[in-house]
Protein backbone atom coordinates (compact mmCIF):
# COMPACT_ATOMS: atom_id res chain seq x y z
CA MET A 1 13.11 29.15 -15.64
CA LEU A 2 12.68 25.50 -16.56
CA LEU A 3 14.64 24.20 -19.53
CA ASP A 4 13.24 21.57 -21.89
CA SER A 5 15.47 20.52 -24.75
CA GLY A 6 15.33 18.46 -27.90
CA PHE A 7 18.21 17.15 -30.01
CA LEU A 8 18.39 16.14 -33.65
CA GLU A 9 21.06 14.99 -36.11
CA PHE A 10 19.92 16.16 -39.54
CA LYS A 11 21.63 14.40 -42.45
CA LEU A 12 21.43 16.12 -45.83
CA ASP A 13 21.96 13.85 -48.85
CA CYS A 14 24.08 15.96 -51.20
CA THR A 15 23.71 13.53 -54.09
CA LYS A 16 19.92 13.85 -54.06
CA THR A 17 19.79 17.61 -53.52
CA LYS A 18 22.48 18.82 -55.94
CA ASP A 19 19.93 19.32 -58.71
CA LEU A 20 17.46 21.29 -56.59
CA ALA A 21 16.70 24.85 -57.60
CA VAL A 22 17.26 27.95 -55.48
CA GLY A 23 14.34 28.23 -53.05
CA ASP A 24 13.66 24.48 -52.96
CA SER A 25 13.66 23.08 -49.42
CA VAL A 26 13.94 19.75 -47.62
CA TYR A 27 12.72 18.92 -44.13
CA SER A 28 13.98 16.87 -41.22
CA LYS A 29 11.73 14.54 -39.28
CA ASN A 30 9.65 16.11 -36.51
CA PHE A 31 11.07 16.14 -32.98
CA LEU A 32 9.90 17.28 -29.53
CA ALA A 33 11.31 20.00 -27.29
CA GLY A 34 9.52 21.70 -24.42
CA GLY A 35 6.22 20.04 -25.24
CA HIS A 36 6.21 21.45 -28.80
CA VAL A 37 6.81 19.83 -32.18
CA TRP A 38 9.67 21.20 -34.30
CA ARG A 39 11.47 20.41 -37.55
CA ILE A 40 14.48 21.67 -39.47
CA LYS A 41 13.86 23.34 -42.83
CA CYS A 42 16.90 23.44 -45.14
CA TYR A 43 17.46 25.21 -48.48
CA PRO A 44 20.47 23.36 -50.01
CA ARG A 45 20.93 26.05 -52.74
CA GLY A 46 19.81 29.04 -50.69
CA VAL A 47 16.45 30.55 -49.85
CA ASN A 48 16.43 33.02 -52.77
CA GLU A 49 18.57 34.20 -55.68
CA GLU A 50 18.90 37.77 -54.50
CA TYR A 51 20.81 37.11 -51.27
CA CYS A 52 21.68 33.47 -50.80
CA VAL A 53 22.45 31.73 -54.06
CA GLU A 54 25.95 30.73 -52.92
CA TYR A 55 24.88 29.60 -49.45
CA LEU A 56 23.07 26.78 -47.73
CA SER A 57 20.23 28.17 -45.57
CA ILE A 58 18.88 26.44 -42.45
CA TYR A 59 15.89 27.28 -40.23
CA LEU A 60 14.01 25.99 -37.18
CA GLU A 61 10.25 25.73 -37.71
CA LEU A 62 7.57 25.45 -35.03
CA VAL A 63 5.15 22.83 -36.37
CA SER A 64 2.66 22.66 -33.49
CA HIS A 65 0.55 25.59 -32.33
CA GLY A 66 1.95 27.68 -29.51
CA ARG A 67 1.85 31.17 -28.07
CA ASP A 68 4.97 33.10 -27.08
CA VAL A 69 7.24 30.05 -27.26
CA LYS A 70 10.76 31.26 -26.49
CA ALA A 71 13.42 28.94 -27.88
CA VAL A 72 17.21 28.84 -28.11
CA PHE A 73 18.30 27.28 -31.41
CA ASP A 74 21.86 25.93 -31.73
CA ALA A 75 23.14 24.41 -34.97
CA PHE A 76 26.56 23.31 -36.16
CA MET A 77 28.10 21.13 -38.82
CA ALA A 78 29.95 17.96 -37.91
CA GLU A 79 32.82 16.21 -39.63
CA ARG A 80 32.56 12.62 -40.75
CA ASP A 81 33.85 11.42 -37.39
CA GLY A 82 31.20 13.44 -35.54
CA ALA A 83 33.56 16.20 -34.35
CA PRO A 84 31.85 19.63 -34.31
CA LEU A 85 33.19 22.48 -36.45
CA PRO A 86 33.29 25.70 -34.35
CA GLU A 87 33.55 27.88 -37.44
CA HIS A 88 30.18 26.58 -38.57
CA HIS A 89 28.28 27.03 -35.30
CA ARG A 90 25.29 29.37 -35.02
CA ARG A 91 22.94 30.29 -32.16
CA CYS A 92 19.81 32.43 -31.96
CA VAL A 93 17.04 33.10 -29.43
CA HIS A 94 13.58 33.78 -30.78
CA VAL A 95 9.98 33.98 -29.55
CA TYR A 96 7.60 32.10 -31.81
CA PRO A 97 4.23 33.90 -31.59
CA PRO A 98 1.16 32.41 -33.29
CA ASP A 99 0.43 35.33 -35.61
CA ARG A 100 3.93 36.06 -36.89
CA PHE A 101 6.88 33.98 -38.03
CA THR A 102 6.95 30.29 -37.07
CA ILE A 103 10.37 29.82 -38.69
CA TRP A 104 13.71 31.32 -37.74
CA GLY A 105 17.32 30.67 -38.69
CA TRP A 106 20.13 31.71 -41.03
CA ARG A 107 20.14 32.48 -44.76
CA HIS A 108 23.96 32.32 -44.86
CA PHE A 109 24.65 29.30 -42.70
CA VAL A 110 27.55 27.93 -44.77
CA GLU A 111 28.90 28.45 -48.27
CA ARG A 112 28.11 25.55 -50.55
CA ARG A 113 31.65 25.76 -51.93
CA GLU A 114 33.07 24.84 -48.49
CA ILE A 115 30.90 21.74 -48.32
CA GLU A 116 31.90 20.62 -51.80
CA GLU A 117 35.62 21.27 -51.36
CA ASP A 118 36.16 20.08 -47.78
CA GLY A 119 36.76 16.32 -47.89
CA HIS A 120 36.08 15.96 -44.14
CA LEU A 121 32.46 17.11 -44.30
CA ILE A 122 30.84 14.76 -46.80
CA ASP A 123 30.38 11.22 -45.48
CA HIS A 124 30.92 8.05 -47.51
CA ASP A 125 27.21 7.93 -48.33
CA GLY A 126 27.31 11.44 -49.76
CA SER A 127 25.61 13.17 -46.83
CA VAL A 128 26.61 16.02 -44.51
CA THR A 129 25.51 16.19 -40.87
CA PHE A 130 23.97 19.15 -39.07
CA VAL A 131 23.58 18.83 -35.29
CA CYS A 132 20.64 20.86 -33.99
CA ASP A 133 19.65 21.50 -30.37
CA VAL A 134 16.53 23.36 -29.23
CA VAL A 135 16.02 24.61 -25.66
CA VAL A 136 12.58 25.97 -24.77
CA LEU A 137 12.53 28.45 -21.88
CA ARG A 138 9.35 28.65 -19.85
CA ALA A 139 8.11 29.85 -16.48
CA ASP A 140 8.53 27.67 -13.39
CA ARG A 141 5.78 25.28 -12.48
CA ASP A 142 5.50 22.34 -10.16
CA THR A 143 6.85 19.12 -11.68
CA SER A 144 7.75 17.41 -8.42
CA MET A 145 7.50 13.66 -8.29
CA PRO A 146 4.33 12.30 -6.65
CA PRO A 147 4.91 10.60 -3.31
CA ALA A 148 5.61 6.89 -3.32
CA ASP A 149 2.45 4.91 -2.62
CA VAL A 150 3.67 1.30 -2.41
CA ALA A 151 3.42 1.26 1.41
CA SER A 152 -0.12 2.68 1.27
CA HIS A 153 -1.23 0.00 -1.20
CA LEU A 154 0.36 -2.79 0.82
CA GLY A 155 -1.17 -1.46 4.04
CA ASP A 156 -4.59 -1.64 2.41
CA LEU A 157 -3.81 -5.16 1.24
CA LEU A 158 -2.88 -6.22 4.79
CA ARG A 159 -6.02 -4.68 6.29
CA SER A 160 -8.32 -6.32 3.73
CA GLY A 161 -6.59 -9.70 3.74
CA GLU A 162 -7.45 -10.11 0.06
CA GLY A 163 -5.30 -12.57 -1.84
CA SER A 164 -3.67 -13.88 1.34
CA ASP A 165 -2.00 -17.27 0.97
CA VAL A 166 -0.92 -17.89 4.55
CA SER A 167 -2.41 -17.24 8.00
CA PHE A 168 -0.87 -16.98 11.47
CA SER A 169 -2.68 -18.06 14.62
CA VAL A 170 -1.39 -16.00 17.55
CA GLY A 171 -3.02 -16.06 20.97
CA GLY A 172 -6.38 -17.06 19.58
CA GLU A 173 -6.34 -14.43 16.83
CA THR A 174 -5.83 -15.11 13.12
CA PHE A 175 -3.72 -12.85 10.90
CA PRO A 176 -3.92 -13.35 7.12
CA ALA A 177 -0.79 -12.40 5.18
CA HIS A 178 1.03 -12.85 1.88
CA ARG A 179 4.09 -15.05 1.55
CA ALA A 180 5.72 -12.90 -1.14
CA VAL A 181 5.57 -9.75 1.02
CA LEU A 182 6.93 -11.43 4.16
CA ALA A 183 9.70 -13.19 2.22
CA ALA A 184 10.78 -9.91 0.63
CA ARG A 185 11.10 -8.27 4.06
CA SER A 186 12.64 -11.06 6.15
CA GLN A 187 15.18 -13.75 5.35
CA VAL A 188 13.74 -15.85 8.19
CA PHE A 189 10.25 -15.73 6.71
CA LYS A 190 11.72 -16.45 3.28
CA ALA A 191 13.35 -19.63 4.58
CA GLU A 192 10.20 -20.69 6.45
CA LEU A 193 7.60 -19.86 3.81
CA MET A 194 9.45 -20.50 0.55
CA GLY A 195 12.07 -23.04 1.51
CA SER A 196 12.03 -26.68 2.48
CA MET A 197 10.67 -26.18 6.02
CA ALA A 198 7.26 -27.52 7.03
CA GLU A 199 5.76 -24.02 7.13
CA ALA A 200 6.22 -23.72 3.37
CA THR A 201 3.19 -25.97 2.79
CA MET A 202 1.07 -24.99 5.81
CA ALA A 203 -1.99 -22.82 5.23
CA THR A 204 -2.06 -21.73 8.90
CA ILE A 205 0.99 -21.38 11.14
CA THR A 206 0.60 -21.24 14.91
CA LEU A 207 2.98 -19.06 16.93
CA HIS A 208 3.25 -19.51 20.71
CA ASP A 209 6.00 -17.13 21.85
CA ILE A 210 4.65 -13.77 20.70
CA GLU A 211 1.63 -11.69 21.73
CA PRO A 212 -1.10 -10.77 19.21
CA ASP A 213 -0.49 -7.00 19.59
CA THR A 214 3.22 -7.49 18.98
CA PHE A 215 2.68 -9.68 15.93
CA ARG A 216 0.05 -7.25 14.57
CA ASP A 217 2.43 -4.28 14.77
CA MET A 218 5.30 -6.30 13.32
CA LEU A 219 3.15 -7.26 10.33
CA HIS A 220 2.03 -3.66 9.94
CA PHE A 221 5.67 -2.53 9.87
CA MET A 222 6.61 -5.19 7.31
CA TYR A 223 3.91 -3.92 4.95
CA THR A 224 4.16 -0.15 5.57
CA ASP A 225 7.50 0.66 7.31
CA THR A 226 5.57 2.37 10.12
CA VAL A 227 4.70 1.60 13.75
CA PRO A 228 1.89 3.18 15.79
CA ASP A 229 2.49 6.38 17.75
CA PHE A 230 1.54 6.49 21.42
CA LYS A 231 0.28 9.99 22.27
CA ASP A 232 -0.87 9.29 25.84
CA CYS A 233 2.00 10.36 28.11
CA SER A 234 0.68 8.99 31.41
CA SER A 235 3.11 6.90 33.44
CA SER A 236 1.07 3.74 33.00
CA THR A 237 0.89 4.22 29.23
CA ILE A 238 4.64 4.93 28.98
CA ALA A 239 5.38 1.75 30.92
CA ALA A 240 3.14 -0.22 28.54
CA THR A 241 4.85 1.47 25.57
CA ILE A 242 8.28 0.40 26.80
CA GLU A 243 7.07 -3.15 27.30
CA HIS A 244 5.49 -3.21 23.85
CA PHE A 245 8.57 -1.93 21.99
CA GLU A 246 10.81 -4.30 23.93
CA ALA A 247 8.59 -7.13 22.69
CA LEU A 248 8.89 -5.73 19.15
CA LEU A 249 12.68 -5.69 19.56
CA VAL A 250 12.57 -9.40 20.37
CA ALA A 251 10.41 -10.04 17.30
CA ALA A 252 12.73 -7.93 15.13
CA ASP A 253 15.69 -10.03 16.31
CA ARG A 254 13.85 -13.26 15.64
CA TYR A 255 12.86 -12.32 12.09
CA THR A 256 16.01 -10.26 11.22
CA LEU A 257 14.14 -6.98 10.78
CA ASP A 258 17.03 -4.57 11.30
CA MET A 259 15.06 -1.44 10.45
CA LEU A 260 12.38 -2.35 12.98
CA ARG A 261 15.13 -2.70 15.61
CA LEU A 262 16.26 0.85 14.89
CA VAL A 263 12.73 2.22 14.99
CA CYS A 264 12.02 0.50 18.32
CA SER A 265 15.26 1.87 19.76
CA GLN A 266 14.29 5.37 18.68
CA LYS A 267 10.80 5.03 20.17
CA LEU A 268 12.30 3.93 23.50
CA ASN A 269 14.70 6.86 23.41
CA ASP A 270 11.78 9.24 22.81
CA VAL A 271 10.01 8.24 26.05
CA MET A 272 13.15 8.08 28.21
CA CYS A 273 12.97 9.88 31.57
CA VAL A 274 14.31 9.51 35.13
CA ASP A 275 11.53 7.10 36.04
CA ASN A 276 12.27 4.59 33.27
CA VAL A 277 15.89 5.01 32.15
CA MET A 278 17.00 1.95 34.15
CA VAL A 279 14.32 -0.17 32.47
CA ILE A 280 15.32 1.06 29.01
CA LEU A 281 19.05 0.57 29.75
CA ARG A 282 18.34 -2.99 30.82
CA CYS A 283 16.40 -3.52 27.57
CA ALA A 284 19.25 -2.05 25.49
CA GLU A 285 21.85 -4.27 27.17
CA LEU A 286 19.69 -7.37 26.99
CA HIS A 287 18.80 -7.03 23.30
CA GLY A 288 22.07 -5.62 21.97
CA CYS A 289 21.14 -2.02 21.07
CA PRO A 290 24.47 -0.14 21.41
CA GLU A 291 23.18 3.27 20.30
CA LEU A 292 20.30 3.18 22.77
CA LYS A 293 22.66 1.96 25.50
CA ILE A 294 25.00 4.92 24.95
CA ARG A 295 22.09 7.33 25.15
CA CYS A 296 20.86 5.75 28.38
CA ILE A 297 24.31 5.98 29.99
CA ASP A 298 24.64 9.61 28.87
CA PHE A 299 21.26 10.41 30.41
CA PHE A 300 22.03 8.51 33.62
CA THR A 301 25.40 10.21 34.16
CA GLU A 302 24.09 13.76 33.83
CA ARG A 303 24.65 15.34 37.23
CA LYS A 304 21.01 16.09 38.05
CA ASN A 305 19.90 12.58 37.02
CA PHE A 306 22.82 10.72 38.63
CA LYS A 307 21.98 12.08 42.07
CA LYS A 308 18.42 10.81 41.77
CA LEU A 309 19.24 7.39 40.34
CA VAL A 310 22.50 6.12 41.81
CA LEU A 311 20.98 5.00 45.12
CA THR A 312 17.72 3.56 43.72
CA GLU A 313 16.73 -0.08 43.87
CA GLY A 314 16.47 -0.08 40.05
CA TYR A 315 20.14 0.81 39.70
CA PHE A 316 21.31 -1.87 42.15
CA GLN A 317 19.22 -4.52 40.41
CA LEU A 318 20.65 -3.47 37.04
CA ILE A 319 24.32 -3.69 38.06
CA GLN A 320 23.66 -7.04 39.72
CA SER A 321 22.32 -8.38 36.43
CA PHE A 322 24.96 -6.67 34.26
CA PRO A 323 28.12 -6.00 36.35
CA SER A 324 30.05 -4.68 33.34
CA LEU A 325 27.78 -1.63 33.25
CA THR A 326 29.43 -0.33 36.42
CA GLN A 327 32.76 0.13 34.65
CA GLU A 328 31.12 1.72 31.58
CA ILE A 329 29.21 4.21 33.76
CA LYS A 330 32.40 5.03 35.69
CA GLN A 331 34.34 5.69 32.46
CA ARG A 332 31.54 7.88 31.17
CA ILE A 333 31.57 10.01 34.33
CA GLU A 334 35.36 10.37 34.21
CA SER A 335 35.31 11.46 30.59
CA ARG A 336 32.36 13.84 30.90
CA ASP A 337 34.49 16.94 31.23
CA THR A 338 36.21 16.24 27.90
CA SER A 339 33.30 14.83 25.93
CA VAL A 340 30.57 16.46 23.95
CA LEU A 341 27.29 15.14 25.29
CA MET A 342 24.26 14.55 23.21
CA GLU A 343 21.24 16.57 24.26
CA LYS A 344 18.03 14.75 25.05
CA GLY A 345 15.65 15.09 22.16
CA SER A 346 18.32 15.52 19.50
CA GLY A 347 18.23 11.80 18.72
CA ILE A 348 20.94 9.20 19.12
CA PHE A 349 20.90 8.21 15.51
CA HIS A 350 18.98 8.91 12.35
CA VAL A 351 16.43 6.26 11.43
CA LEU A 352 16.53 6.11 7.69
CA LYS A 353 13.16 5.44 6.13
CA ALA A 354 13.22 2.07 4.38
CA ARG A 355 12.82 2.07 0.57
CA ILE A 356 10.23 -0.65 0.38
CA TRP A 357 10.34 -0.86 -3.46
CA ASN A 358 14.10 -1.70 -3.27
CA LEU A 359 13.33 -4.59 -0.94
CA PHE A 360 10.73 -5.88 -3.33
CA LYS A 361 13.41 -6.14 -6.01
CA ALA A 362 14.31 -9.34 -4.18
CA ILE A 363 11.03 -10.80 -5.40
CA ILE A 364 11.71 -9.80 -8.99
CA ILE A 365 15.26 -11.11 -8.97
CA SER A 366 14.59 -14.43 -7.24
CA LEU A 367 11.11 -15.00 -8.72
CA ASP A 368 10.30 -16.97 -5.56
CA ARG A 369 6.80 -18.39 -5.32
CA TYR A 370 5.29 -16.46 -8.20
CA ASP A 371 1.70 -17.48 -8.79
CA VAL A 372 0.87 -15.89 -12.13
CA SER A 373 2.73 -15.36 -15.39
CA PHE A 374 2.13 -13.18 -18.44
CA SER A 375 2.97 -14.09 -22.02
CA VAL A 376 3.98 -10.91 -23.85
CA GLY A 377 5.43 -10.94 -27.35
CA GLY A 378 6.63 -14.53 -27.01
CA GLU A 379 8.36 -13.90 -23.66
CA THR A 380 7.12 -14.87 -20.18
CA LEU A 381 7.06 -12.47 -17.21
CA VAL A 382 6.24 -13.84 -13.77
CA ALA A 383 4.62 -11.98 -10.88
CA HIS A 384 2.60 -12.28 -7.67
CA ARG A 385 -1.15 -11.83 -7.65
CA ALA A 386 -1.18 -10.20 -4.22
CA VAL A 387 1.28 -7.46 -5.18
CA LEU A 388 -0.45 -6.66 -8.48
CA ALA A 389 -3.87 -6.62 -6.83
CA ALA A 390 -2.62 -4.25 -4.12
CA CYS A 391 -1.53 -1.67 -6.70
CA SER A 392 -4.20 -1.96 -9.40
CA SER A 393 -7.97 -2.27 -9.10
CA VAL A 394 -8.05 -3.86 -12.57
CA PHE A 395 -5.51 -6.53 -11.61
CA LYS A 396 -7.44 -7.02 -8.37
CA ALA A 397 -10.63 -7.76 -10.31
CA GLU A 398 -8.81 -10.02 -12.80
CA LEU A 399 -6.59 -11.93 -10.40
CA LEU A 400 -8.59 -12.07 -7.15
CA GLY A 401 -12.15 -11.69 -8.41
CA SER A 402 -14.59 -13.88 -10.27
CA VAL A 403 -13.22 -13.43 -13.79
CA THR A 404 -11.54 -16.28 -15.64
CA GLU A 405 -7.99 -15.11 -14.94
CA SER A 406 -8.43 -15.42 -11.16
CA THR A 407 -9.29 -19.11 -11.01
CA ILE A 408 -8.23 -20.89 -14.19
CA MET A 409 -5.38 -19.20 -15.97
CA ALA A 410 -1.83 -19.68 -14.65
CA THR A 411 -0.50 -17.84 -17.71
CA ILE A 412 -2.29 -14.80 -19.11
CA THR A 413 -1.55 -13.73 -22.67
CA VAL A 414 -1.21 -9.98 -23.21
CA HIS A 415 -1.87 -8.77 -26.76
CA ASP A 416 -2.13 -4.99 -26.38
CA PHE A 417 1.37 -4.10 -25.17
CA GLN A 418 4.98 -4.61 -26.17
CA LEU A 419 7.27 -6.62 -23.89
CA GLU A 420 9.26 -3.54 -22.83
CA THR A 421 6.10 -1.58 -21.95
CA PHE A 422 4.52 -4.36 -19.90
CA GLY A 423 7.84 -5.19 -18.21
CA ASP A 424 8.42 -1.58 -17.15
CA MET A 425 4.86 -1.36 -15.85
CA LEU A 426 5.49 -4.43 -13.67
CA ARG A 427 8.76 -2.87 -12.49
CA PHE A 428 6.88 0.28 -11.46
CA ILE A 429 4.24 -1.71 -9.57
CA TYR A 430 6.93 -3.50 -7.56
CA THR A 431 9.43 -0.66 -7.07
CA ASN A 432 7.63 2.66 -7.77
CA ARG A 433 10.40 3.45 -10.25
CA LEU A 434 10.73 3.73 -13.99
CA PRO A 435 13.93 3.40 -16.05
CA TYR A 436 15.83 6.60 -16.73
CA PHE A 437 16.31 7.59 -20.35
CA LYS A 438 18.82 10.30 -21.14
CA GLY A 439 17.65 12.76 -23.73
CA CYS A 440 14.28 12.94 -25.44
CA SER A 441 14.38 10.74 -28.52
CA SER A 442 11.25 9.79 -30.39
CA SER A 443 11.56 6.19 -29.15
CA THR A 444 11.68 7.40 -25.54
CA ILE A 445 8.57 9.49 -26.06
CA GLU A 446 6.76 6.57 -27.69
CA HIS A 447 7.76 4.30 -24.79
CA PHE A 448 6.36 6.61 -22.10
CA GLU A 449 3.25 7.24 -24.15
CA ALA A 450 2.72 3.47 -24.23
CA LEU A 451 3.27 3.35 -20.45
CA LEU A 452 0.62 6.06 -20.01
CA VAL A 453 -1.82 3.87 -21.94
CA ALA A 454 -0.89 0.89 -19.75
CA ALA A 455 -1.33 2.97 -16.59
CA ASP A 456 -4.81 3.96 -17.74
CA GLN A 457 -5.81 0.45 -18.80
CA TYR A 458 -4.70 -1.18 -15.57
CA ALA A 459 -5.88 1.70 -13.37
CA HIS A 460 -2.48 1.93 -11.71
CA CYS A 461 -3.62 5.15 -10.08
CA LEU A 462 -2.74 8.76 -10.82
CA ASN A 463 0.75 8.14 -9.46
CA ALA A 464 1.96 6.09 -12.44
CA SER A 465 0.45 8.52 -14.95
CA GLU A 466 2.09 11.47 -13.20
CA VAL A 467 5.46 9.77 -13.21
CA CYS A 468 5.19 9.07 -16.98
CA PHE A 469 4.11 12.67 -17.57
CA ILE A 470 7.13 14.01 -15.68
CA HIS A 471 9.47 11.71 -17.63
CA LEU A 472 7.93 12.99 -20.88
CA GLU A 473 8.34 16.59 -19.73
CA GLY A 474 11.96 16.02 -18.73
């Protein structure tokens, strides 16, 4: 069963209700629990003269329409300091059907004499506090979070080239890109494109020491956290794959892309065999990949592989280039009988998928090279046209199209939304996350309802609306 709860502190003003007649009632404000609207109905002098004249009566009422709504209702009185009173705690479980009672509770909740005589119950303003909690029980249904779609949006942005503000000329090919994205992913690019270096003002940057295919896949990884898979397992294709991922390793080193280094190492490990282990070991030693190096040495020193490889020209060339490997291989062979070897295919390490929205927090925090700002409720929020356009078709039309905002306005005034709503929408666009609110207060509900309106207005896809819906349900 899924549990959805609502919480309410109901304050009863004793000074205003002391003159009420038996059977007169007062109501709390409405509150939400389990997708239904509820309120507390209280009879300060009892519900009727026959049974309850000396008691305060309290009930839970279902205000909205519902069928077979099963709810657990807890209520207790609290002292002036907020401490609960166990002797005045009640609980009931009731199904609220549409054609029968929509109200349930206790006629004899507490004697009025106890309230009047106990000096710890009545607050300085003459009120007593009832704490009420409602838990709605309902059948399981899928409320899983939708998958993150930032990488998908950014991949589309890279492929289209829309909103690009820098280009790279590599081997006769031109690659449009976005300074904000590259700077968020690489400290080297941040220094080059947003610092005091010459590249910061250049519209096109020419690179001479990297191949177009390598640069293309590096850009693709920076936008999407993925690299292409090579499904052709022919020897010539595997050799080209090794060469390509070695080139990507060099690029990852140059631009401090640590996650790309790990992914390249894993890809090289995946294609390792007797025919290429010496090449991959050389690559691991040359480019400082210790995990991949250990895996290569483990593979090489397996008995069946060692016999095939130890007298090959590839092995002699390797130890001539890296003499220290001889001692490492010798130590590995000597310790084999007492070591637990890793099986091929089990992986030498776990490549953790990068959380791209966390990396983009760097943009929000530093506010580097923002190119548009929004005036909301007297405050200014800055952003990047490329990122907003990638995640919202409405922003794309406004900021990269032919409308006024795309060419003239550096600051756009927003009238329809509060600062908190617009700020949290921007946060979601950059990070795919919304703030967490404990509990289900009316202000929280109003906030996520406003975010739903913003998600619709700016066409920030079904994903944002689903996330708001799940927050409202929780």
